Amino acid sequence: MTQAKPRFNTLEEYLNYDDGTDTRYELVNGVLVDMGSEKRLNEKIAIWLLSQFLQVVSIDLIARGTQIAVRSRTVTARNPDLMILTEELDQLLSQQSQSLITLEMPAPVLIVEVVSPGEPGSQNYDRDYVAKPLEYASRGIPEYWLIDPTRELVVVLYLDGERYSEIGRFRNSDRVSSRTFPDLNLTADQILKAGR
């Protein structure tokens, strides 16, 4: 027997939904889309980065597993691999019943996505390199990192008006440059090899 997926008309309906599982979802066109299990490599990189950010920010400002509502024709909420919050945002999230940054809340200062494999034009590539930068820029997020293990590349973007511009594309022993966290001393290799 096939069970129909619920359809949500509002973000509040989605927030109140519980299917009794630990399944990760994104809300697309009012329908839950199963994100599937995260690759262990992606998880290791995100956790390692979390440990590095602990050297420059309080643990209270690091979020993993927190969703963020976005402005998009199709997607309602994204589930980034890692976010760095403001103190105000941390306090607002602490008062919520679920860990979701709504459109009314201030933006996090940084979002990190560990890119899934895919060539330009594929769903994975277009989601991470095309759709998410537009969505995150419209939310006013100052910095966006794409960690791409397949291409052995770290791309750092900063908000320049209403769009992102590149700070740089970092490979091998290149020091990753961040406007938001200039004291963070990491190389592309350190980040990319964290999961191996």
N, C-alpha and C. Protein backbone atom coordinates (compact mmCIF):
# COMPACT_ATOMS: atom_id res chain seq x y z
N MET A 1 0.84 -1.18 0.00
CA MET A 1 0.00 0.00 0.00
C MET A 1 0.88 1.24 0.00
N THR A 2 0.61 2.17 -0.88
CA THR A 2 1.36 3.42 -0.96
C THR A 2 0.66 4.46 -0.11
N GLN A 3 1.47 5.15 0.71
CA GLN A 3 0.91 6.18 1.56
C GLN A 3 1.17 7.54 0.92
N ALA A 4 0.12 8.35 0.81
CA ALA A 4 0.27 9.68 0.21
C ALA A 4 1.04 10.58 1.16
N LYS A 5 1.91 11.42 0.56
CA LYS A 5 2.65 12.38 1.37
C LYS A 5 1.73 13.54 1.70
N PRO A 6 1.83 14.06 2.92
CA PRO A 6 0.98 15.19 3.27
C PRO A 6 1.36 16.44 2.48
N ARG A 7 0.39 17.29 2.25
CA ARG A 7 0.62 18.56 1.56
C ARG A 7 0.42 19.66 2.59
N PHE A 8 1.32 20.64 2.57
CA PHE A 8 1.27 21.72 3.54
C PHE A 8 0.99 23.03 2.83
N ASN A 9 0.05 23.78 3.37
CA ASN A 9 -0.30 25.08 2.80
C ASN A 9 0.47 26.21 3.46
N THR A 10 0.95 25.97 4.69
CA THR A 10 1.69 27.01 5.41
C THR A 10 2.93 26.40 6.06
N LEU A 11 3.87 27.26 6.38
CA LEU A 11 5.07 26.83 7.08
C LEU A 11 4.72 26.31 8.47
N GLU A 12 3.71 26.88 9.09
CA GLU A 12 3.28 26.45 10.43
C GLU A 12 2.79 24.99 10.40
N GLU A 13 2.04 24.61 9.36
CA GLU A 13 1.60 23.22 9.24
C GLU A 13 2.80 22.29 9.15
N TYR A 14 3.78 22.69 8.36
CA TYR A 14 5.01 21.90 8.22
C TYR A 14 5.73 21.77 9.56
N LEU A 15 5.83 22.88 10.29
CA LEU A 15 6.51 22.87 11.58
C LEU A 15 5.83 21.95 12.59
N ASN A 16 4.52 21.82 12.50
CA ASN A 16 3.78 20.99 13.45
C ASN A 16 3.70 19.53 13.03
N TYR A 17 4.24 19.20 11.87
CA TYR A 17 4.19 17.82 11.37
C TYR A 17 5.26 16.96 12.01
N ASP A 18 4.87 15.76 12.39
CA ASP A 18 5.82 14.78 12.94
C ASP A 18 5.38 13.41 12.44
N ASP A 19 6.25 12.79 11.62
CA ASP A 19 5.89 11.47 11.10
C ASP A 19 6.45 10.34 11.97
N GLY A 20 7.05 10.72 13.11
CA GLY A 20 7.55 9.71 14.04
C GLY A 20 8.88 9.10 13.63
N THR A 21 9.53 9.68 12.62
CA THR A 21 10.83 9.17 12.19
C THR A 21 11.88 10.27 12.31
N ASP A 22 13.12 9.92 12.04
CA ASP A 22 14.21 10.90 12.01
C ASP A 22 14.54 11.32 10.57
N THR A 23 13.63 11.08 9.65
CA THR A 23 13.86 11.40 8.25
C THR A 23 14.08 12.89 8.07
N ARG A 24 15.08 13.25 7.27
CA ARG A 24 15.38 14.66 6.96
C ARG A 24 14.58 15.06 5.73
N TYR A 25 13.86 16.17 5.84
CA TYR A 25 13.04 16.66 4.74
C TYR A 25 13.38 18.10 4.40
N GLU A 26 13.12 18.47 3.16
CA GLU A 26 12.99 19.87 2.77
C GLU A 26 11.57 20.00 2.23
N LEU A 27 11.01 21.18 2.39
CA LEU A 27 9.64 21.42 1.94
C LEU A 27 9.70 22.08 0.56
N VAL A 28 9.18 21.37 -0.45
CA VAL A 28 9.22 21.84 -1.84
C VAL A 28 7.80 21.85 -2.38
N ASN A 29 7.34 23.02 -2.82
CA ASN A 29 5.99 23.16 -3.35
C ASN A 29 4.94 22.57 -2.42
N GLY A 30 5.12 22.76 -1.12
CA GLY A 30 4.15 22.29 -0.14
C GLY A 30 4.23 20.81 0.18
N VAL A 31 5.19 20.08 -0.42
CA VAL A 31 5.31 18.64 -0.22
C VAL A 31 6.67 18.32 0.38
N LEU A 32 6.69 17.35 1.30
CA LEU A 32 7.94 16.92 1.89
C LEU A 32 8.78 16.17 0.87
N VAL A 33 10.05 16.53 0.77
CA VAL A 33 10.98 15.82 -0.09
C VAL A 33 12.03 15.19 0.82
N ASP A 34 12.09 13.87 0.79
CA ASP A 34 13.05 13.13 1.61
C ASP A 34 14.45 13.45 1.13
N MET A 35 15.29 13.96 2.03
CA MET A 35 16.66 14.33 1.68
C MET A 35 17.57 13.11 1.66
N GLY A 36 17.07 11.99 2.14
CA GLY A 36 17.91 10.79 2.17
C GLY A 36 18.96 10.90 3.24
N SER A 37 19.70 9.86 3.40
CA SER A 37 20.76 9.87 4.39
C SER A 37 21.92 10.72 3.87
N GLU A 38 22.51 11.45 4.78
CA GLU A 38 23.66 12.25 4.41
C GLU A 38 24.87 11.33 4.25
N LYS A 39 25.69 11.61 3.24
CA LYS A 39 26.91 10.82 3.06
C LYS A 39 27.79 11.00 4.28
N ARG A 40 28.43 9.93 4.71
CA ARG A 40 29.30 10.00 5.88
C ARG A 40 30.43 11.01 5.68
N LEU A 41 30.96 11.09 4.46
CA LEU A 41 32.02 12.06 4.17
C LEU A 41 31.52 13.48 4.45
N ASN A 42 30.33 13.82 3.97
CA ASN A 42 29.77 15.15 4.19
C ASN A 42 29.60 15.43 5.68
N GLU A 43 29.12 14.44 6.38
CA GLU A 43 28.91 14.58 7.82
C GLU A 43 30.24 14.83 8.55
N LYS A 44 31.28 14.07 8.19
CA LYS A 44 32.59 14.24 8.83
C LYS A 44 33.17 15.63 8.57
N ILE A 45 33.04 16.11 7.33
CA ILE A 45 33.55 17.44 7.02
C ILE A 45 32.81 18.50 7.83
N ALA A 46 31.50 18.40 7.90
CA ALA A 46 30.70 19.38 8.65
C ALA A 46 31.06 19.35 10.14
N ILE A 47 31.23 18.17 10.70
CA ILE A 47 31.57 18.07 12.13
C ILE A 47 32.97 18.61 12.37
N TRP A 48 33.92 18.30 11.47
CA TRP A 48 35.27 18.83 11.64
C TRP A 48 35.26 20.36 11.57
N LEU A 49 34.51 20.92 10.62
CA LEU A 49 34.41 22.38 10.54
C LEU A 49 33.79 22.96 11.80
N LEU A 50 32.80 22.29 12.33
CA LEU A 50 32.20 22.73 13.59
C LEU A 50 33.28 22.85 14.65
N SER A 51 34.16 21.85 14.75
CA SER A 51 35.22 21.88 15.76
C SER A 51 36.18 23.05 15.51
N GLN A 52 36.39 23.42 14.27
CA GLN A 52 37.27 24.55 13.96
C GLN A 52 36.62 25.89 14.29
N PHE A 53 35.33 26.00 14.04
CA PHE A 53 34.62 27.24 14.37
C PHE A 53 34.54 27.45 15.88
N LEU A 54 34.63 26.38 16.64
CA LEU A 54 34.62 26.53 18.10
C LEU A 54 35.80 27.36 18.60
N GLN A 55 36.83 27.49 17.78
CA GLN A 55 37.99 28.30 18.16
C GLN A 55 37.74 29.80 18.02
N VAL A 56 36.69 30.16 17.25
CA VAL A 56 36.43 31.59 17.01
C VAL A 56 35.03 32.05 17.41
N VAL A 57 34.10 31.11 17.67
CA VAL A 57 32.75 31.50 18.12
C VAL A 57 32.28 30.55 19.22
N SER A 58 31.34 31.02 19.99
CA SER A 58 30.74 30.21 21.06
C SER A 58 29.93 29.07 20.45
N ILE A 59 29.89 27.95 21.14
CA ILE A 59 29.10 26.80 20.68
C ILE A 59 27.63 27.16 20.51
N ASP A 60 27.16 28.14 21.27
CA ASP A 60 25.76 28.57 21.17
C ASP A 60 25.43 29.14 19.79
N LEU A 61 26.44 29.59 19.07
CA LEU A 61 26.21 30.23 17.78
C LEU A 61 26.42 29.30 16.60
N ILE A 62 26.70 28.03 16.87
CA ILE A 62 26.91 27.05 15.81
C ILE A 62 25.67 26.17 15.71
N ALA A 63 25.14 26.04 14.50
CA ALA A 63 23.92 25.25 14.31
C ALA A 63 24.16 24.18 13.25
N ARG A 64 23.76 22.98 13.58
CA ARG A 64 23.80 21.86 12.63
C ARG A 64 22.46 21.15 12.80
N GLY A 65 21.74 20.95 11.71
CA GLY A 65 20.41 20.33 11.80
C GLY A 65 19.30 21.36 11.90
N THR A 66 19.66 22.63 11.91
CA THR A 66 18.68 23.71 11.92
C THR A 66 18.29 24.04 10.49
N GLN A 67 17.01 24.22 10.26
CA GLN A 67 16.53 24.58 8.92
C GLN A 67 16.38 26.09 8.80
N ILE A 68 16.35 26.55 7.57
CA ILE A 68 16.15 27.98 7.32
C ILE A 68 15.11 28.14 6.21
N ALA A 69 14.10 28.96 6.49
CA ALA A 69 13.09 29.26 5.47
C ALA A 69 13.73 30.15 4.42
N VAL A 70 13.41 29.88 3.15
CA VAL A 70 13.96 30.65 2.03
C VAL A 70 12.85 31.15 1.13
N ARG A 71 13.19 32.17 0.37
CA ARG A 71 12.26 32.70 -0.63
C ARG A 71 12.60 32.06 -1.96
N SER A 72 11.69 31.25 -2.45
CA SER A 72 11.93 30.52 -3.69
C SER A 72 10.58 30.19 -4.31
N ARG A 73 10.58 29.97 -5.61
CA ARG A 73 9.33 29.56 -6.26
C ARG A 73 8.91 28.18 -5.83
N THR A 74 9.87 27.34 -5.44
CA THR A 74 9.53 25.95 -5.13
C THR A 74 9.88 25.52 -3.70
N VAL A 75 11.05 25.89 -3.20
CA VAL A 75 11.51 25.39 -1.91
C VAL A 75 11.09 26.35 -0.80
N THR A 76 10.62 25.79 0.31
CA THR A 76 10.19 26.59 1.44
C THR A 76 11.26 26.67 2.51
N ALA A 77 11.98 25.55 2.74
CA ALA A 77 13.00 25.52 3.79
C ALA A 77 14.17 24.65 3.36
N ARG A 78 15.36 25.08 3.71
CA ARG A 78 16.59 24.33 3.44
C ARG A 78 17.18 23.83 4.75
N ASN A 79 18.02 22.81 4.62
CA ASN A 79 18.66 22.20 5.78
C ASN A 79 20.17 22.20 5.56
N PRO A 80 20.85 23.35 5.81
CA PRO A 80 22.29 23.43 5.55
C PRO A 80 23.09 22.49 6.44
N ASP A 81 24.31 22.20 5.99
CA ASP A 81 25.19 21.33 6.77
C ASP A 81 25.68 22.01 8.05
N LEU A 82 25.87 23.33 7.99
CA LEU A 82 26.38 24.06 9.15
C LEU A 82 26.01 25.53 9.00
N MET A 83 25.67 26.17 10.12
CA MET A 83 25.39 27.60 10.12
C MET A 83 26.04 28.24 11.34
N ILE A 84 26.44 29.49 11.18
CA ILE A 84 26.89 30.30 12.30
C ILE A 84 25.84 31.39 12.49
N LEU A 85 25.31 31.47 13.70
CA LEU A 85 24.20 32.36 14.02
C LEU A 85 24.70 33.64 14.67
N THR A 86 23.81 34.61 14.73
CA THR A 86 24.05 35.79 15.58
C THR A 86 23.52 35.46 16.97
N GLU A 87 23.90 36.25 17.96
CA GLU A 87 23.37 36.03 19.32
C GLU A 87 21.86 36.21 19.35
N GLU A 88 21.37 37.24 18.64
CA GLU A 88 19.92 37.48 18.60
C GLU A 88 19.19 36.28 17.99
N LEU A 89 19.74 35.73 16.92
CA LEU A 89 19.11 34.58 16.26
C LEU A 89 19.12 33.36 17.17
N ASP A 90 20.22 33.14 17.88
CA ASP A 90 20.29 32.03 18.83
C ASP A 90 19.21 32.16 19.89
N GLN A 91 19.01 33.35 20.42
CA GLN A 91 17.99 33.56 21.44
C GLN A 91 16.59 33.32 20.88
N LEU A 92 16.33 33.78 19.68
CA LEU A 92 15.01 33.56 19.07
C LEU A 92 14.77 32.07 18.82
N LEU A 93 15.77 31.37 18.31
CA LEU A 93 15.63 29.93 18.05
C LEU A 93 15.41 29.16 19.35
N SER A 94 16.02 29.60 20.42
CA SER A 94 15.88 28.93 21.72
C SER A 94 14.45 29.01 22.24
N GLN A 95 13.69 29.96 21.74
CA GLN A 95 12.29 30.11 22.17
C GLN A 95 11.32 29.35 21.28
N GLN A 96 11.81 28.80 20.16
CA GLN A 96 10.97 28.08 19.21
C GLN A 96 10.77 26.62 19.65
N SER A 97 9.67 26.02 19.20
CA SER A 97 9.46 24.59 19.48
C SER A 97 10.27 23.72 18.52
N GLN A 98 10.65 24.27 17.34
CA GLN A 98 11.49 23.55 16.38
C GLN A 98 12.62 24.45 15.93
N SER A 99 13.68 23.84 15.49
CA SER A 99 14.87 24.59 15.08
C SER A 99 14.74 25.00 13.61
N LEU A 100 13.95 26.05 13.37
CA LEU A 100 13.74 26.59 12.04
C LEU A 100 13.87 28.11 12.09
N ILE A 101 14.72 28.65 11.24
CA ILE A 101 14.86 30.10 11.12
C ILE A 101 13.79 30.57 10.15
N THR A 102 12.80 31.26 10.66
CA THR A 102 11.69 31.72 9.82
C THR A 102 12.11 32.97 9.04
N LEU A 103 11.29 33.35 8.07
CA LEU A 103 11.58 34.52 7.25
C LEU A 103 11.61 35.81 8.06
N GLU A 104 10.92 35.83 9.19
CA GLU A 104 10.86 37.02 10.02
C GLU A 104 12.09 37.19 10.89
N MET A 105 12.88 36.14 11.05
CA MET A 105 14.06 36.18 11.91
C MET A 105 15.26 36.74 11.16
N PRO A 106 16.23 37.25 11.92
CA PRO A 106 17.45 37.72 11.25
C PRO A 106 18.20 36.55 10.61
N ALA A 107 19.04 36.87 9.66
CA ALA A 107 19.81 35.84 8.94
C ALA A 107 21.00 35.37 9.76
N PRO A 108 21.42 34.12 9.57
CA PRO A 108 22.70 33.69 10.14
C PRO A 108 23.83 34.45 9.43
N VAL A 109 25.04 34.43 10.00
CA VAL A 109 26.14 35.15 9.38
C VAL A 109 26.88 34.31 8.35
N LEU A 110 26.73 32.98 8.45
CA LEU A 110 27.42 32.08 7.53
C LEU A 110 26.64 30.80 7.36
N ILE A 111 26.57 30.31 6.13
CA ILE A 111 26.03 28.98 5.85
C ILE A 111 27.11 28.20 5.11
N VAL A 112 27.29 26.93 5.52
CA VAL A 112 28.22 26.03 4.86
C VAL A 112 27.43 24.85 4.31
N GLU A 113 27.64 24.56 3.04
CA GLU A 113 27.03 23.39 2.42
C GLU A 113 28.15 22.49 1.90
N VAL A 114 28.09 21.20 2.22
CA VAL A 114 28.98 20.21 1.64
C VAL A 114 28.24 19.67 0.42
N VAL A 115 28.81 19.93 -0.75
CA VAL A 115 28.14 19.67 -2.03
C VAL A 115 28.07 18.18 -2.32
N SER A 116 26.92 17.75 -2.80
CA SER A 116 26.74 16.37 -3.25
C SER A 116 27.28 16.25 -4.68
N PRO A 117 27.74 15.05 -5.05
CA PRO A 117 28.31 14.88 -6.41
C PRO A 117 27.28 15.18 -7.49
N GLY A 118 27.76 15.74 -8.59
CA GLY A 118 26.91 16.02 -9.73
C GLY A 118 27.58 16.98 -10.69
N GLU A 119 27.29 16.83 -11.95
CA GLU A 119 27.84 17.70 -12.99
C GLU A 119 26.91 18.88 -13.22
N PRO A 120 27.43 19.99 -13.79
CA PRO A 120 26.55 21.11 -14.11
C PRO A 120 25.33 20.63 -14.91
N GLY A 121 24.17 21.10 -14.50
CA GLY A 121 22.92 20.67 -15.12
C GLY A 121 22.23 19.56 -14.35
N SER A 122 22.96 18.88 -13.46
CA SER A 122 22.33 17.84 -12.63
C SER A 122 21.59 18.50 -11.47
N GLN A 123 20.67 17.77 -10.89
CA GLN A 123 19.87 18.31 -9.78
C GLN A 123 20.76 18.73 -8.61
N ASN A 124 21.73 17.89 -8.22
CA ASN A 124 22.60 18.21 -7.10
C ASN A 124 23.42 19.48 -7.36
N TYR A 125 24.05 19.54 -8.52
CA TYR A 125 24.89 20.69 -8.86
C TYR A 125 24.06 21.97 -8.88
N ASP A 126 22.95 21.93 -9.60
CA ASP A 126 22.13 23.13 -9.74
C ASP A 126 21.55 23.59 -8.41
N ARG A 127 21.22 22.65 -7.54
CA ARG A 127 20.70 23.01 -6.22
C ARG A 127 21.76 23.79 -5.43
N ASP A 128 23.00 23.25 -5.35
CA ASP A 128 24.02 23.85 -4.51
C ASP A 128 24.69 25.07 -5.13
N TYR A 129 24.94 25.03 -6.45
CA TYR A 129 25.68 26.11 -7.10
C TYR A 129 24.80 27.19 -7.71
N VAL A 130 23.53 26.90 -7.95
CA VAL A 130 22.66 27.87 -8.61
C VAL A 130 21.52 28.32 -7.68
N ALA A 131 20.69 27.38 -7.24
CA ALA A 131 19.50 27.75 -6.45
C ALA A 131 19.84 28.28 -5.06
N LYS A 132 20.67 27.56 -4.32
CA LYS A 132 20.96 27.99 -2.95
C LYS A 132 21.63 29.36 -2.87
N PRO A 133 22.60 29.68 -3.73
CA PRO A 133 23.16 31.04 -3.64
C PRO A 133 22.10 32.13 -3.83
N LEU A 134 21.15 31.91 -4.73
CA LEU A 134 20.08 32.90 -4.92
C LEU A 134 19.19 32.98 -3.68
N GLU A 135 18.84 31.82 -3.12
CA GLU A 135 17.97 31.79 -1.94
C GLU A 135 18.65 32.41 -0.73
N TYR A 136 19.90 32.05 -0.51
CA TYR A 136 20.62 32.56 0.67
C TYR A 136 20.93 34.05 0.53
N ALA A 137 21.22 34.50 -0.69
CA ALA A 137 21.45 35.93 -0.91
C ALA A 137 20.18 36.73 -0.63
N SER A 138 19.03 36.19 -1.04
CA SER A 138 17.77 36.91 -0.81
C SER A 138 17.45 36.99 0.68
N ARG A 139 18.02 36.09 1.48
CA ARG A 139 17.86 36.14 2.94
C ARG A 139 18.86 37.09 3.60
N GLY A 140 19.83 37.58 2.83
CA GLY A 140 20.81 38.52 3.38
C GLY A 140 21.92 37.85 4.19
N ILE A 141 22.24 36.61 3.87
CA ILE A 141 23.29 35.88 4.60
C ILE A 141 24.64 36.37 4.07
N PRO A 142 25.47 36.96 4.94
CA PRO A 142 26.71 37.61 4.48
C PRO A 142 27.71 36.69 3.79
N GLU A 143 27.77 35.40 4.18
CA GLU A 143 28.79 34.54 3.60
C GLU A 143 28.23 33.12 3.40
N TYR A 144 28.65 32.50 2.29
CA TYR A 144 28.19 31.16 1.93
C TYR A 144 29.40 30.38 1.44
N TRP A 145 29.64 29.21 2.07
CA TRP A 145 30.75 28.34 1.67
C TRP A 145 30.19 27.10 1.00
N LEU A 146 30.80 26.71 -0.11
CA LEU A 146 30.50 25.43 -0.75
C LEU A 146 31.75 24.57 -0.63
N ILE A 147 31.61 23.47 0.06
CA ILE A 147 32.70 22.50 0.20
C ILE A 147 32.39 21.39 -0.80
N ASP A 148 33.25 21.23 -1.80
CA ASP A 148 32.99 20.29 -2.89
C ASP A 148 34.07 19.21 -2.93
N PRO A 149 33.85 18.09 -2.20
CA PRO A 149 34.86 17.03 -2.16
C PRO A 149 35.15 16.41 -3.53
N THR A 150 34.16 16.30 -4.39
CA THR A 150 34.35 15.70 -5.71
C THR A 150 35.33 16.52 -6.55
N ARG A 151 35.18 17.83 -6.51
CA ARG A 151 36.05 18.71 -7.30
C ARG A 151 37.28 19.17 -6.50
N GLU A 152 37.39 18.70 -5.24
CA GLU A 152 38.49 19.08 -4.34
C GLU A 152 38.63 20.60 -4.30
N LEU A 153 37.52 21.24 -3.92
CA LEU A 153 37.40 22.69 -4.02
C LEU A 153 36.58 23.25 -2.86
N VAL A 154 37.01 24.40 -2.37
CA VAL A 154 36.23 25.17 -1.39
C VAL A 154 35.96 26.53 -2.02
N VAL A 155 34.69 26.86 -2.18
CA VAL A 155 34.30 28.14 -2.76
C VAL A 155 33.71 28.99 -1.64
N VAL A 156 34.23 30.21 -1.49
CA VAL A 156 33.72 31.13 -0.48
C VAL A 156 33.10 32.32 -1.20
N LEU A 157 31.83 32.57 -0.89
CA LEU A 157 31.08 33.67 -1.49
C LEU A 157 30.71 34.69 -0.42
N TYR A 158 30.67 35.98 -0.79
CA TYR A 158 30.22 37.00 0.15
C TYR A 158 29.10 37.80 -0.51
N LEU A 159 28.22 38.31 0.32
CA LEU A 159 27.07 39.05 -0.18
C LEU A 159 27.54 40.43 -0.66
N ASP A 160 27.27 40.71 -1.92
CA ASP A 160 27.66 41.95 -2.57
C ASP A 160 26.39 42.57 -3.12
N GLY A 161 25.74 43.40 -2.31
CA GLY A 161 24.42 43.92 -2.68
C GLY A 161 23.38 42.84 -2.49
N GLU A 162 22.73 42.43 -3.58
CA GLU A 162 21.69 41.41 -3.49
C GLU A 162 22.15 40.06 -4.03
N ARG A 163 23.42 39.97 -4.44
CA ARG A 163 23.97 38.73 -5.01
C ARG A 163 25.30 38.41 -4.35
N TYR A 164 25.71 37.17 -4.55
CA TYR A 164 27.01 36.76 -4.04
C TYR A 164 28.10 37.01 -5.07
N SER A 165 29.26 37.41 -4.58
CA SER A 165 30.49 37.47 -5.37
C SER A 165 31.48 36.52 -4.72
N GLU A 166 32.44 36.06 -5.49
CA GLU A 166 33.43 35.12 -4.95
C GLU A 166 34.54 35.84 -4.22
N ILE A 167 34.83 35.35 -3.03
CA ILE A 167 36.07 35.73 -2.35
C ILE A 167 37.19 34.92 -3.00
N GLY A 168 36.88 33.65 -3.28
CA GLY A 168 37.87 32.82 -3.95
C GLY A 168 37.46 31.38 -4.07
N ARG A 169 38.22 30.66 -4.89
CA ARG A 169 38.10 29.21 -5.06
C ARG A 169 39.42 28.64 -4.55
N PHE A 170 39.32 27.82 -3.51
CA PHE A 170 40.52 27.38 -2.81
C PHE A 170 40.74 25.88 -3.01
N ARG A 171 41.99 25.53 -3.30
CA ARG A 171 42.40 24.14 -3.52
C ARG A 171 43.69 23.87 -2.74
N ASN A 172 43.94 22.59 -2.52
CA ASN A 172 45.21 22.14 -1.96
C ASN A 172 45.60 22.92 -0.70
N SER A 173 46.76 23.56 -0.73
CA SER A 173 47.25 24.25 0.48
C SER A 173 46.83 25.72 0.53
N ASP A 174 45.91 26.14 -0.38
CA ASP A 174 45.41 27.52 -0.33
C ASP A 174 44.75 27.78 1.03
N ARG A 175 45.08 28.91 1.63
CA ARG A 175 44.41 29.30 2.87
C ARG A 175 43.03 29.85 2.50
N VAL A 176 42.00 29.30 3.14
CA VAL A 176 40.63 29.73 2.88
C VAL A 176 40.42 31.10 3.50
N SER A 177 39.99 32.04 2.69
CA SER A 177 39.80 33.42 3.13
C SER A 177 38.33 33.67 3.43
N SER A 178 38.06 34.25 4.61
CA SER A 178 36.70 34.55 5.03
C SER A 178 36.63 36.00 5.51
N ARG A 179 35.71 36.77 4.98
CA ARG A 179 35.51 38.14 5.47
C ARG A 179 34.88 38.13 6.86
N THR A 180 34.01 37.18 7.09
CA THR A 180 33.30 37.11 8.36
C THR A 180 34.19 36.58 9.48
N PHE A 181 35.07 35.65 9.16
CA PHE A 181 35.96 35.04 10.15
C PHE A 181 37.41 35.10 9.67
N PRO A 182 38.00 36.31 9.65
CA PRO A 182 39.36 36.46 9.12
C PRO A 182 40.42 35.73 9.95
N ASP A 183 40.13 35.44 11.22
CA ASP A 183 41.10 34.77 12.08
C ASP A 183 41.07 33.25 11.95
N LEU A 184 40.13 32.73 11.21
CA LEU A 184 40.05 31.29 11.00
C LEU A 184 41.19 30.89 10.06
N ASN A 185 42.04 29.99 10.51
CA ASN A 185 43.24 29.64 9.74
C ASN A 185 43.11 28.20 9.24
N LEU A 186 42.51 28.06 8.05
CA LEU A 186 42.27 26.73 7.48
C LEU A 186 42.73 26.71 6.03
N THR A 187 43.18 25.54 5.59
CA THR A 187 43.47 25.37 4.17
C THR A 187 42.38 24.51 3.54
N ALA A 188 42.30 24.57 2.23
CA ALA A 188 41.33 23.74 1.51
C ALA A 188 41.58 22.28 1.81
N ASP A 189 42.84 21.84 1.79
CA ASP A 189 43.18 20.43 2.09
C ASP A 189 42.69 19.99 3.46
N GLN A 190 42.89 20.83 4.46
CA GLN A 190 42.44 20.48 5.81
C GLN A 190 40.94 20.21 5.83
N ILE A 191 40.18 21.07 5.18
CA ILE A 191 38.73 20.91 5.16
C ILE A 191 38.34 19.66 4.37
N LEU A 192 38.88 19.52 3.16
CA LEU A 192 38.49 18.44 2.27
C LEU A 192 38.95 17.07 2.77
N LYS A 193 40.06 17.02 3.48
CA LYS A 193 40.56 15.73 3.97
C LYS A 193 40.03 15.39 5.35
N ALA A 194 39.23 16.28 5.93
CA ALA A 194 38.67 16.02 7.25
C ALA A 194 37.80 14.77 7.26
N GLY A 195 37.19 14.47 6.15
CA GLY A 195 36.30 13.32 6.08
C GLY A 195 36.97 12.06 5.61
N ARG A 196 38.27 12.09 5.44
CA ARG A 196 38.97 10.89 4.89
C ARG A 196 39.98 10.37 5.86
